[in-house]
Amino acid sequence: MTKADLIDEVSGLVELTRKDSEVVVETIFDSIVRSLRAGDKIEIRGFGSFRTRQRKPRVGRNPKTGDRVDVPAKKIPFFKPSKELKDLVNGESNSPAPAASSPAM
């Protein structure tokens, strides 16, 4: 799914114009990026959490020439899916299994 597909989906579900839906989607993405840049953690219950992780500086290699390259420390965005999302993706249900009805005697 692309961002345009997501905008179309929002537009159809909540009966907004495509332009209004685009503003909603862009605002959500911008808010996530601003929070991550500020070092905050974003937690969306039932979906997952976004945060940044710090990578240490390291020495890498240029794959073409084999030369050593210093790679600086940096922050990377990290997403951890919730258990509910993992279960939904795998087709598992969190609801208890329906009880077998026994005939009354």
Protein backbone atom coordinates (compact mmCIF):
# COMPACT_ATOMS: atom_id res chain seq x y z
CA MET A 1 0.00 0.00 0.00
CA THR A 2 1.33 3.42 -0.92
CA LYS A 3 0.61 6.74 0.75
CA ALA A 4 -1.80 7.57 -2.09
CA ASP A 5 -3.65 4.28 -1.46
CA LEU A 6 -3.85 5.12 2.24
CA ILE A 7 -5.26 8.57 1.45
CA ASP A 8 -7.87 7.00 -0.84
CA GLU A 9 -8.79 4.48 1.89
CA VAL A 10 -9.24 7.23 4.50
CA SER A 11 -11.24 9.32 2.03
CA GLY A 12 -13.63 6.45 1.35
CA LEU A 13 -14.07 5.33 4.96
CA VAL A 14 -14.77 8.69 6.60
CA GLU A 15 -16.41 10.38 3.62
CA LEU A 16 -13.90 13.22 3.36
CA THR A 17 -12.60 14.78 0.19
CA ARG A 18 -9.32 13.38 -1.05
CA LYS A 19 -7.63 16.71 -0.22
CA ASP A 20 -8.91 16.63 3.39
CA SER A 21 -7.82 13.00 3.74
CA GLU A 22 -4.37 13.92 2.43
CA VAL A 23 -4.09 16.62 5.11
CA VAL A 24 -5.07 14.09 7.81
CA VAL A 25 -2.54 11.48 6.67
CA GLU A 26 0.26 14.06 6.22
CA THR A 27 -0.45 15.51 9.67
CA ILE A 28 -0.18 12.08 11.31
CA PHE A 29 3.10 11.31 9.53
CA ASP A 30 4.53 14.76 10.33
CA SER A 31 3.59 14.35 14.00
CA ILE A 32 5.36 10.99 14.15
CA VAL A 33 8.50 12.41 12.53
CA ARG A 34 8.55 15.46 14.84
CA SER A 35 8.19 13.25 17.92
CA LEU A 36 10.96 10.91 16.80
CA ARG A 37 13.29 13.85 16.06
CA ALA A 38 12.62 15.16 19.57
CA GLY A 39 13.55 11.74 20.99
CA ASP A 40 10.02 10.86 22.08
CA LYS A 41 8.45 7.41 21.84
CA ILE A 42 5.12 7.02 20.07
CA GLU A 43 2.84 4.23 21.25
CA ILE A 44 -0.34 3.35 19.40
CA ARG A 45 -2.25 0.73 21.39
CA GLY A 46 -3.13 -2.34 19.35
CA PHE A 47 -0.75 -1.29 16.55
CA GLY A 48 2.78 -0.82 17.86
CA SER A 49 5.36 1.71 18.96
CA PHE A 50 7.88 3.92 17.20
CA ARG A 51 11.14 5.08 18.76
CA THR A 52 14.70 5.80 17.77
CA ARG A 53 17.72 3.65 18.42
CA GLN A 54 21.28 4.90 18.61
CA ARG A 55 23.84 3.22 16.36
CA LYS A 56 27.48 3.40 17.43
CA PRO A 57 30.16 4.64 15.07
CA ARG A 58 31.88 1.84 13.21
CA VAL A 59 34.34 1.09 10.47
CA GLY A 60 32.73 -0.21 7.31
CA ARG A 61 34.04 -1.25 3.93
CA ASN A 62 33.33 0.14 0.49
CA PRO A 63 31.99 -2.94 -1.32
CA LYS A 64 33.38 -1.80 -4.68
CA THR A 65 36.95 -0.97 -3.65
CA GLY A 66 37.30 -2.68 -0.27
CA ASP A 67 38.56 0.57 1.31
CA ARG A 68 37.82 1.25 4.97
CA VAL A 69 35.11 3.83 5.58
CA ASP A 70 34.30 5.50 8.91
CA VAL A 71 30.55 5.35 9.50
CA PRO A 72 29.45 7.96 12.08
CA ALA A 73 27.05 7.36 14.97
CA LYS A 74 23.44 7.97 14.07
CA LYS A 75 19.87 7.55 15.23
CA ILE A 76 17.59 5.23 13.29
CA PRO A 77 13.80 4.93 13.51
CA PHE A 78 12.56 1.63 14.90
CA PHE A 79 9.04 0.16 14.87
CA LYS A 80 7.95 -2.60 17.21
CA PRO A 81 4.58 -4.14 16.34
CA SER A 82 2.14 -4.92 19.15
CA LYS A 83 1.12 -8.46 19.99
CA GLU A 84 -2.37 -7.68 18.67
CA LEU A 85 -0.99 -6.60 15.28
CA LYS A 86 1.23 -9.68 15.06
CA ASP A 87 -1.76 -11.91 15.84
CA LEU A 88 -3.95 -10.17 13.24
CA VAL A 89 -1.27 -10.49 10.55
CA ASN A 90 -0.87 -14.19 11.34
CA GLY A 91 -4.63 -14.79 11.26
CA GLU A 92 -4.86 -15.56 14.95
CA SER A 93 -7.77 -14.30 17.00
CA ASN A 94 -7.58 -12.91 20.54
CA SER A 95 -11.18 -13.85 21.26
CA PRO A 96 -11.76 -17.06 23.18
CA ALA A 97 -12.90 -20.08 21.21
CA PRO A 98 -16.67 -20.49 21.15
CA ALA A 99 -17.84 -22.97 23.75
CA ALA A 100 -19.22 -26.19 22.36
CA SER A 101 -22.91 -26.34 23.10
CA SER A 102 -23.94 -29.51 24.82
CA PRO A 103 -27.47 -30.79 24.40
CA ALA A 104 -29.68 -30.31 27.44
CA MET A 105 -31.07 -33.52 28.91
